[in-house]
Amino acid sequence: MSNTPHTLRDEFPDQIDAIHALKAKSQDFAGVLEQYDEVNDQIHRAETRIAPVSEEAEAAMRKRRLALKDQIAAALSAV
């Protein structure tokens, strides 16, 4: 359990401008970013025990975050 937030700036440090540009162009991409931020916040709250959840629930959230990160990376590579 790392309780370090995995912000998009941390995950894609060299692609922040591309993320902003794609977000402005695509509502679908903007939705994926919103979902990523939401699940990332949930994971951070679980890790810091602000809003604890079961290990299974935390693992499911981590898998969801990874899937969203993969979607973001794929969209960025298509640009």
PDB file of N, CA and C in Angstrom:
ATOM      1  N   MET A   1       0.833  -1.175   0.000  1.00  0.00           N
ATOM      2  CA  MET A   1       0.000   0.000   0.000  1.00  0.00           C
ATOM      3  C   MET A   1       0.877   1.237   0.000  1.00  0.00           C
ATOM      4  N   SER A   2       0.796   2.043  -1.033  1.00  0.00           N
ATOM      5  CA  SER A   2       1.692   3.220  -1.100  1.00  0.00           C
ATOM      6  C   SER A   2       1.005   4.530  -0.728  1.00  0.00           C
ATOM      7  N   ASN A   3       0.157   4.914  -0.429  1.00  0.00           N
ATOM      8  CA  ASN A   3      -0.611   6.135  -0.219  1.00  0.00           C
ATOM      9  C   ASN A   3      -0.093   7.365  -0.964  1.00  0.00           C
ATOM     10  N   THR A   4       0.656   7.169  -2.035  1.00  0.00           N
ATOM     11  CA  THR A   4       1.083   8.272  -2.887  1.00  0.00           C
ATOM     12  C   THR A   4       0.045   8.471  -3.982  1.00  0.00           C
ATOM     13  N   PRO A   5      -0.493   9.660  -4.104  1.00  0.00           N
ATOM     14  CA  PRO A   5      -1.485   9.883  -5.166  1.00  0.00           C
ATOM     15  C   PRO A   5      -0.847   9.711  -6.546  1.00  0.00           C
ATOM     16  N   HIS A   6      -1.536   9.069  -7.425  1.00  0.00           N
ATOM     17  CA  HIS A   6      -1.052   8.847  -8.787  1.00  0.00           C
ATOM     18  C   HIS A   6      -1.733   9.849  -9.717  1.00  0.00           C
ATOM     19  N   THR A   7      -1.391  11.114  -9.572  1.00  0.00           N
ATOM     20  CA  THR A   7      -2.021  12.131 -10.402  1.00  0.00           C
ATOM     21  C   THR A   7      -1.582  11.970 -11.849  1.00  0.00           C
ATOM     22  N   LEU A   8      -2.366  12.504 -12.745  1.00  0.00           N
ATOM     23  CA  LEU A   8      -2.014  12.433 -14.157  1.00  0.00           C
ATOM     24  C   LEU A   8      -0.707  13.158 -14.428  1.00  0.00           C
ATOM     25  N   ARG A   9      -0.443  14.207 -13.701  1.00  0.00           N
ATOM     26  CA  ARG A   9       0.822  14.938 -13.847  1.00  0.00           C
ATOM     27  C   ARG A   9       1.991  14.025 -13.470  1.00  0.00           C
ATOM     28  N   ASP A  10       1.807  13.185 -12.474  1.00  0.00           N
ATOM     29  CA  ASP A  10       2.850  12.232 -12.079  1.00  0.00           C
ATOM     30  C   ASP A  10       2.974  11.082 -13.075  1.00  0.00           C
ATOM     31  N   GLU A  11       1.851  10.615 -13.585  1.00  0.00           N
ATOM     32  CA  GLU A  11       1.834   9.461 -14.472  1.00  0.00           C
ATOM     33  C   GLU A  11       2.265   9.797 -15.900  1.00  0.00           C
ATOM     34  N   PHE A  12       1.937  11.006 -16.353  1.00  0.00           N
ATOM     35  CA  PHE A  12       2.253  11.421 -17.723  1.00  0.00           C
ATOM     36  C   PHE A  12       2.923  12.799 -17.702  1.00  0.00           C
ATOM     37  N   PRO A  13       4.079  12.920 -17.074  1.00  0.00           N
ATOM     38  CA  PRO A  13       4.680  14.248 -16.874  1.00  0.00           C
ATOM     39  C   PRO A  13       5.018  14.995 -18.159  1.00  0.00           C
ATOM     40  N   ASP A  14       5.344  14.281 -19.215  1.00  0.00           N
ATOM     41  CA  ASP A  14       5.721  14.935 -20.465  1.00  0.00           C
ATOM     42  C   ASP A  14       4.544  15.137 -21.410  1.00  0.00           C
ATOM     43  N   GLN A  15       3.360  14.739 -20.979  1.00  0.00           N
ATOM     44  CA  GLN A  15       2.209  14.799 -21.879  1.00  0.00           C
ATOM     45  C   GLN A  15       1.056  15.640 -21.336  1.00  0.00           C
ATOM     46  N   ILE A  16       1.326  16.486 -20.389  1.00  0.00           N
ATOM     47  CA  ILE A  16       0.263  17.292 -19.783  1.00  0.00           C
ATOM     48  C   ILE A  16      -0.393  18.203 -20.817  1.00  0.00           C
ATOM     49  N   ASP A  17       0.395  18.832 -21.679  1.00  0.00           N
ATOM     50  CA  ASP A  17      -0.187  19.697 -22.709  1.00  0.00           C
ATOM     51  C   ASP A  17      -1.067  18.893 -23.660  1.00  0.00           C
ATOM     52  N   ALA A  18      -0.620  17.708 -24.039  1.00  0.00           N
ATOM     53  CA  ALA A  18      -1.414  16.851 -24.921  1.00  0.00           C
ATOM     54  C   ALA A  18      -2.702  16.414 -24.232  1.00  0.00           C
ATOM     55  N   ILE A  19      -2.630  16.139 -22.947  1.00  0.00           N
ATOM     56  CA  ILE A  19      -3.828  15.760 -22.191  1.00  0.00           C
ATOM     57  C   ILE A  19      -4.837  16.897 -22.200  1.00  0.00           C
ATOM     58  N   HIS A  20      -4.378  18.118 -21.946  1.00  0.00           N
ATOM     59  CA  HIS A  20      -5.285  19.275 -21.933  1.00  0.00           C
ATOM     60  C   HIS A  20      -5.898  19.503 -23.314  1.00  0.00           C
ATOM     61  N   ALA A  21      -5.086  19.379 -24.365  1.00  0.00           N
ATOM     62  CA  ALA A  21      -5.593  19.583 -25.720  1.00  0.00           C
ATOM     63  C   ALA A  21      -6.636  18.531 -26.083  1.00  0.00           C
ATOM     64  N   LEU A  22      -6.357  17.278 -25.771  1.00  0.00           N
ATOM     65  CA  LEU A  22      -7.288  16.203 -26.085  1.00  0.00           C
ATOM     66  C   LEU A  22      -8.563  16.313 -25.246  1.00  0.00           C
ATOM     67  N   LYS A  23      -8.412  16.741 -24.024  1.00  0.00           N
ATOM     68  CA  LYS A  23      -9.574  16.935 -23.153  1.00  0.00           C
ATOM     69  C   LYS A  23     -10.503  17.995 -23.731  1.00  0.00           C
ATOM     70  N   ALA A  24      -9.919  19.054 -24.283  1.00  0.00           N
ATOM     71  CA  ALA A  24     -10.724  20.130 -24.868  1.00  0.00           C
ATOM     72  C   ALA A  24     -11.444  19.673 -26.134  1.00  0.00           C
ATOM     73  N   LYS A  25     -10.858  18.711 -26.852  1.00  0.00           N
ATOM     74  CA  LYS A  25     -11.431  18.232 -28.112  1.00  0.00           C
ATOM     75  C   LYS A  25     -12.451  17.123 -27.936  1.00  0.00           C
ATOM     76  N   SER A  26     -12.298  16.323 -26.895  1.00  0.00           N
ATOM     77  CA  SER A  26     -13.088  15.099 -26.780  1.00  0.00           C
ATOM     78  C   SER A  26     -13.786  14.988 -25.426  1.00  0.00           C
ATOM     79  N   GLN A  27     -15.117  14.980 -25.486  1.00  0.00           N
ATOM     80  CA  GLN A  27     -15.879  14.782 -24.252  1.00  0.00           C
ATOM     81  C   GLN A  27     -15.645  13.388 -23.683  1.00  0.00           C
ATOM     82  N   ASP A  28     -15.476  12.415 -24.554  1.00  0.00           N
ATOM     83  CA  ASP A  28     -15.231  11.044 -24.094  1.00  0.00           C
ATOM     84  C   ASP A  28     -13.918  10.978 -23.322  1.00  0.00           C
ATOM     85  N   PHE A  29     -12.876  11.591 -23.865  1.00  0.00           N
ATOM     86  CA  PHE A  29     -11.579  11.609 -23.191  1.00  0.00           C
ATOM     87  C   PHE A  29     -11.695  12.359 -21.864  1.00  0.00           C
ATOM     88  N   ALA A  30     -12.403  13.470 -21.870  1.00  0.00           N
ATOM     89  CA  ALA A  30     -12.605  14.239 -20.632  1.00  0.00           C
ATOM     90  C   ALA A  30     -13.303  13.375 -19.581  1.00  0.00           C
ATOM     91  N   GLY A  31     -14.230  12.546 -20.018  1.00  0.00           N
ATOM     92  CA  GLY A  31     -14.920  11.644 -19.099  1.00  0.00           C
ATOM     93  C   GLY A  31     -13.989  10.604 -18.503  1.00  0.00           C
ATOM     94  N   VAL A  32     -13.088  10.085 -19.329  1.00  0.00           N
ATOM     95  CA  VAL A  32     -12.105   9.105 -18.838  1.00  0.00           C
ATOM     96  C   VAL A  32     -11.205   9.767 -17.800  1.00  0.00           C
ATOM     97  N   LEU A  33     -10.772  10.999 -18.072  1.00  0.00           N
ATOM     98  CA  LEU A  33      -9.944  11.726 -17.102  1.00  0.00           C
ATOM     99  C   LEU A  33     -10.685  11.928 -15.783  1.00  0.00           C
ATOM    100  N   GLU A  34     -11.951  12.269 -15.879  1.00  0.00           N
ATOM    101  CA  GLU A  34     -12.760  12.474 -14.672  1.00  0.00           C
ATOM    102  C   GLU A  34     -12.881  11.174 -13.880  1.00  0.00           C
ATOM    103  N   GLN A  35     -13.112  10.076 -14.584  1.00  0.00           N
ATOM    104  CA  GLN A  35     -13.203   8.776 -13.916  1.00  0.00           C
ATOM    105  C   GLN A  35     -11.880   8.417 -13.252  1.00  0.00           C
ATOM    106  N   TYR A  36     -10.773   8.678 -13.958  1.00  0.00           N
ATOM    107  CA  TYR A  36      -9.453   8.384 -13.401  1.00  0.00           C
ATOM    108  C   TYR A  36      -9.247   9.163 -12.098  1.00  0.00           C
ATOM    109  N   ASP A  37      -9.521  10.462 -12.141  1.00  0.00           N
ATOM    110  CA  ASP A  37      -9.338  11.286 -10.949  1.00  0.00           C
ATOM    111  C   ASP A  37     -10.218  10.801  -9.800  1.00  0.00           C
ATOM    112  N   GLU A  38     -11.436  10.412 -10.134  1.00  0.00           N
ATOM    113  CA  GLU A  38     -12.378   9.939  -9.117  1.00  0.00           C
ATOM    114  C   GLU A  38     -11.878   8.663  -8.435  1.00  0.00           C
ATOM    115  N   VAL A  39     -11.507   7.666  -9.237  1.00  0.00           N
ATOM    116  CA  VAL A  39     -11.044   6.398  -8.656  1.00  0.00           C
ATOM    117  C   VAL A  39      -9.699   6.591  -7.964  1.00  0.00           C
ATOM    118  N   ASN A  40      -8.852   7.448  -8.501  1.00  0.00           N
ATOM    119  CA  ASN A  40      -7.569   7.728  -7.863  1.00  0.00           C
ATOM    120  C   ASN A  40      -7.786   8.358  -6.479  1.00  0.00           C
ATOM    121  N   ASP A  41      -8.728   9.274  -6.380  1.00  0.00           N
ATOM    122  CA  ASP A  41      -9.049   9.874  -5.082  1.00  0.00           C
ATOM    123  C   ASP A  41      -9.590   8.827  -4.108  1.00  0.00           C
ATOM    124  N   GLN A  42     -10.430   7.931  -4.604  1.00  0.00           N
ATOM    125  CA  GLN A  42     -10.985   6.876  -3.753  1.00  0.00           C
ATOM    126  C   GLN A  42      -9.868   5.977  -3.223  1.00  0.00           C
ATOM    127  N   ILE A  43      -8.930   5.640  -4.088  1.00  0.00           N
ATOM    128  CA  ILE A  43      -7.815   4.794  -3.676  1.00  0.00           C
ATOM    129  C   ILE A  43      -6.967   5.513  -2.636  1.00  0.00           C
ATOM    130  N   HIS A  44      -6.689   6.762  -2.865  1.00  0.00           N
ATOM    131  CA  HIS A  44      -5.873   7.527  -1.915  1.00  0.00           C
ATOM    132  C   HIS A  44      -6.564   7.605  -0.547  1.00  0.00           C
ATOM    133  N   ARG A  45      -7.879   7.829  -0.544  1.00  0.00           N
ATOM    134  CA  ARG A  45      -8.615   7.870   0.733  1.00  0.00           C
ATOM    135  C   ARG A  45      -8.596   6.508   1.420  1.00  0.00           C
ATOM    136  N   ALA A  46      -8.663   5.437   0.628  1.00  0.00           N
ATOM    137  CA  ALA A  46      -8.614   4.093   1.216  1.00  0.00           C
ATOM    138  C   ALA A  46      -7.234   3.809   1.791  1.00  0.00           C
ATOM    139  N   GLU A  47      -6.181   4.174   1.042  1.00  0.00           N
ATOM    140  CA  GLU A  47      -4.817   3.916   1.496  1.00  0.00           C
ATOM    141  C   GLU A  47      -4.463   4.690   2.760  1.00  0.00           C
ATOM    142  N   THR A  48      -4.975   5.890   2.876  1.00  0.00           N
ATOM    143  CA  THR A  48      -4.668   6.714   4.048  1.00  0.00           C
ATOM    144  C   THR A  48      -5.660   6.463   5.190  1.00  0.00           C
ATOM    145  N   ARG A  49      -6.568   5.528   4.971  1.00  0.00           N
ATOM    146  CA  ARG A  49      -7.564   5.124   5.971  1.00  0.00           C
ATOM    147  C   ARG A  49      -8.560   6.235   6.311  1.00  0.00           C
ATOM    148  N   ILE A  50      -8.695   7.201   5.424  1.00  0.00           N
ATOM    149  CA  ILE A  50      -9.744   8.212   5.595  1.00  0.00           C
ATOM    150  C   ILE A  50     -11.090   7.558   5.317  1.00  0.00           C
ATOM    151  N   ALA A  51     -11.105   6.699   4.304  1.00  0.00           N
ATOM    152  CA  ALA A  51     -12.306   5.958   3.946  1.00  0.00           C
ATOM    153  C   ALA A  51     -11.892   4.515   3.653  1.00  0.00           C
ATOM    154  N   PRO A  52     -11.597   3.744   4.705  1.00  0.00           N
ATOM    155  CA  PRO A  52     -11.095   2.386   4.497  1.00  0.00           C
ATOM    156  C   PRO A  52     -12.112   1.482   3.790  1.00  0.00           C
ATOM    157  N   VAL A  53     -11.574   0.571   2.994  1.00  0.00           N
ATOM    158  CA  VAL A  53     -12.387  -0.424   2.302  1.00  0.00           C
ATOM    159  C   VAL A  53     -11.681  -1.777   2.445  1.00  0.00           C
ATOM    160  N   SER A  54     -12.361  -2.814   2.035  1.00  0.00           N
ATOM    161  CA  SER A  54     -11.747  -4.146   2.095  1.00  0.00           C
ATOM    162  C   SER A  54     -10.585  -4.230   1.106  1.00  0.00           C
ATOM    163  N   GLU A  55      -9.714  -5.198   1.335  1.00  0.00           N
ATOM    164  CA  GLU A  55      -8.596  -5.399   0.417  1.00  0.00           C
ATOM    165  C   GLU A  55      -9.090  -5.713  -0.992  1.00  0.00           C
ATOM    166  N   GLU A  56     -10.177  -6.462  -1.079  1.00  0.00           N
ATOM    167  CA  GLU A  56     -10.737  -6.808  -2.380  1.00  0.00           C
ATOM    168  C   GLU A  56     -11.245  -5.570  -3.104  1.00  0.00           C
ATOM    169  N   ALA A  57     -11.922  -4.707  -2.379  1.00  0.00           N
ATOM    170  CA  ALA A  57     -12.442  -3.476  -2.984  1.00  0.00           C
ATOM    171  C   ALA A  57     -11.296  -2.576  -3.427  1.00  0.00           C
ATOM    172  N   GLU A  58     -10.267  -2.489  -2.617  1.00  0.00           N
ATOM    173  CA  GLU A  58      -9.112  -1.656  -2.975  1.00  0.00           C
ATOM    174  C   GLU A  58      -8.414  -2.228  -4.216  1.00  0.00           C
ATOM    175  N   ALA A  59      -8.282  -3.542  -4.282  1.00  0.00           N
ATOM    176  CA  ALA A  59      -7.665  -4.166  -5.455  1.00  0.00           C
ATOM    177  C   ALA A  59      -8.498  -3.900  -6.711  1.00  0.00           C
ATOM    178  N   ALA A  60      -9.815  -3.961  -6.580  1.00  0.00           N
ATOM    179  CA  ALA A  60     -10.690  -3.692  -7.724  1.00  0.00           C
ATOM    180  C   ALA A  60     -10.540  -2.237  -8.181  1.00  0.00           C
ATOM    181  N   MET A  61     -10.422  -1.333  -7.239  1.00  0.00           N
ATOM    182  CA  MET A  61     -10.230   0.073  -7.597  1.00  0.00           C
ATOM    183  C   MET A  61      -8.894   0.273  -8.307  1.00  0.00           C
ATOM    184  N   ARG A  62      -7.868  -0.407  -7.836  1.00  0.00           N
ATOM    185  CA  ARG A  62      -6.548  -0.301  -8.483  1.00  0.00           C
ATOM    186  C   ARG A  62      -6.604  -0.829  -9.919  1.00  0.00           C
ATOM    187  N   LYS A  63      -7.314  -1.924 -10.125  1.00  0.00           N
ATOM    188  CA  LYS A  63      -7.459  -2.468 -11.478  1.00  0.00           C
ATOM    189  C   LYS A  63      -8.214  -1.491 -12.371  1.00  0.00           C
ATOM    190  N   ARG A  64      -9.218  -0.860 -11.824  1.00  0.00           N
ATOM    191  CA  ARG A  64      -9.994   0.135 -12.590  1.00  0.00           C
ATOM    192  C   ARG A  64      -9.106   1.320 -12.956  1.00  0.00           C
ATOM    193  N   ARG A  65      -8.298   1.780 -12.005  1.00  0.00           N
ATOM    194  CA  ARG A  65      -7.402   2.906 -12.282  1.00  0.00           C
ATOM    195  C   ARG A  65      -6.419   2.534 -13.383  1.00  0.00           C
ATOM    196  N   LEU A  66      -5.882   1.326 -13.331  1.00  0.00           N
ATOM    197  CA  LEU A  66      -4.939   0.878 -14.346  1.00  0.00           C
ATOM    198  C   LEU A  66      -5.605   0.818 -15.721  1.00  0.00           C
ATOM    199  N   ALA A  67      -6.834   0.320 -15.773  1.00  0.00           N
ATOM    200  CA  ALA A  67      -7.552   0.256 -17.051  1.00  0.00           C
ATOM    201  C   ALA A  67      -7.782   1.662 -17.612  1.00  0.00           C
ATOM    202  N   LEU A  68      -8.122   2.601 -16.749  1.00  0.00           N
ATOM    203  CA  LEU A  68      -8.322   3.986 -17.189  1.00  0.00           C
ATOM    204  C   LEU A  68      -7.007   4.599 -17.654  1.00  0.00           C
ATOM    205  N   LYS A  69      -5.931   4.306 -16.936  1.00  0.00           N
ATOM    206  CA  LYS A  69      -4.610   4.796 -17.329  1.00  0.00           C
ATOM    207  C   LYS A  69      -4.241   4.248 -18.704  1.00  0.00           C
ATOM    208  N   ASP A  70      -4.553   2.988 -18.959  1.00  0.00           N
ATOM    209  CA  ASP A  70      -4.304   2.382 -20.265  1.00  0.00           C
ATOM    210  C   ASP A  70      -5.105   3.094 -21.356  1.00  0.00           C
ATOM    211  N   GLN A  71      -6.344   3.453 -21.058  1.00  0.00           N
ATOM    212  CA  GLN A  71      -7.174   4.173 -22.027  1.00  0.00           C
ATOM    213  C   GLN A  71      -6.580   5.543 -22.324  1.00  0.00           C
ATOM    214  N   ILE A  72      -6.101   6.220 -21.295  1.00  0.00           N
ATOM    215  CA  ILE A  72      -5.489   7.532 -21.466  1.00  0.00           C
ATOM    216  C   ILE A  72      -4.243   7.407 -22.325  1.00  0.00           C
ATOM    217  N   ALA A  73      -3.393   6.441 -22.004  1.00  0.00           N
ATOM    218  CA  ALA A  73      -2.155   6.233 -22.765  1.00  0.00           C
ATOM    219  C   ALA A  73      -2.456   5.910 -24.230  1.00  0.00           C
ATOM    220  N   ALA A  74      -3.467   5.101 -24.459  1.00  0.00           N
ATOM    221  CA  ALA A  74      -3.833   4.744 -25.846  1.00  0.00           C
ATOM    222  C   ALA A  74      -4.324   5.967 -26.603  1.00  0.00           C
ATOM    223  N   ALA A  75      -5.123   6.789 -25.961  1.00  0.00           N
ATOM    224  CA  ALA A  75      -5.621   8.005 -26.619  1.00  0.00           C
ATOM    225  C   ALA A  75      -4.473   8.964 -26.922  1.00  0.00           C
ATOM    226  N   LEU A  76      -3.534   9.058 -26.011  1.00  0.00           N
ATOM    227  CA  LEU A  76      -2.395   9.954 -26.219  1.00  0.00           C
ATOM    228  C   LEU A  76      -1.491   9.438 -27.337  1.00  0.00           C
ATOM    229  N   SER A  77      -1.345   8.140 -27.444  1.00  0.00           N
ATOM    230  CA  SER A  77      -0.471   7.585 -28.485  1.00  0.00           C
ATOM    231  C   SER A  77      -1.116   7.704 -29.868  1.00  0.00           C
ATOM    232  N   ALA A  78      -2.433   7.851 -29.915  1.00  0.00           N
ATOM    233  CA  ALA A  78      -3.147   7.982 -31.186  1.00  0.00           C
ATOM    234  C   ALA A  78      -3.095   9.425 -31.712  1.00  0.00           C
ATOM    235  N   VAL A  79      -2.643  10.343 -30.896  1.00  0.00           N
ATOM    236  CA  VAL A  79      -2.610  11.763 -31.296  1.00  0.00           C
ATOM    237  C   VAL A  79      -1.396  12.041 -32.141  1.00  0.00           C
TER     238      VAL A  79
END
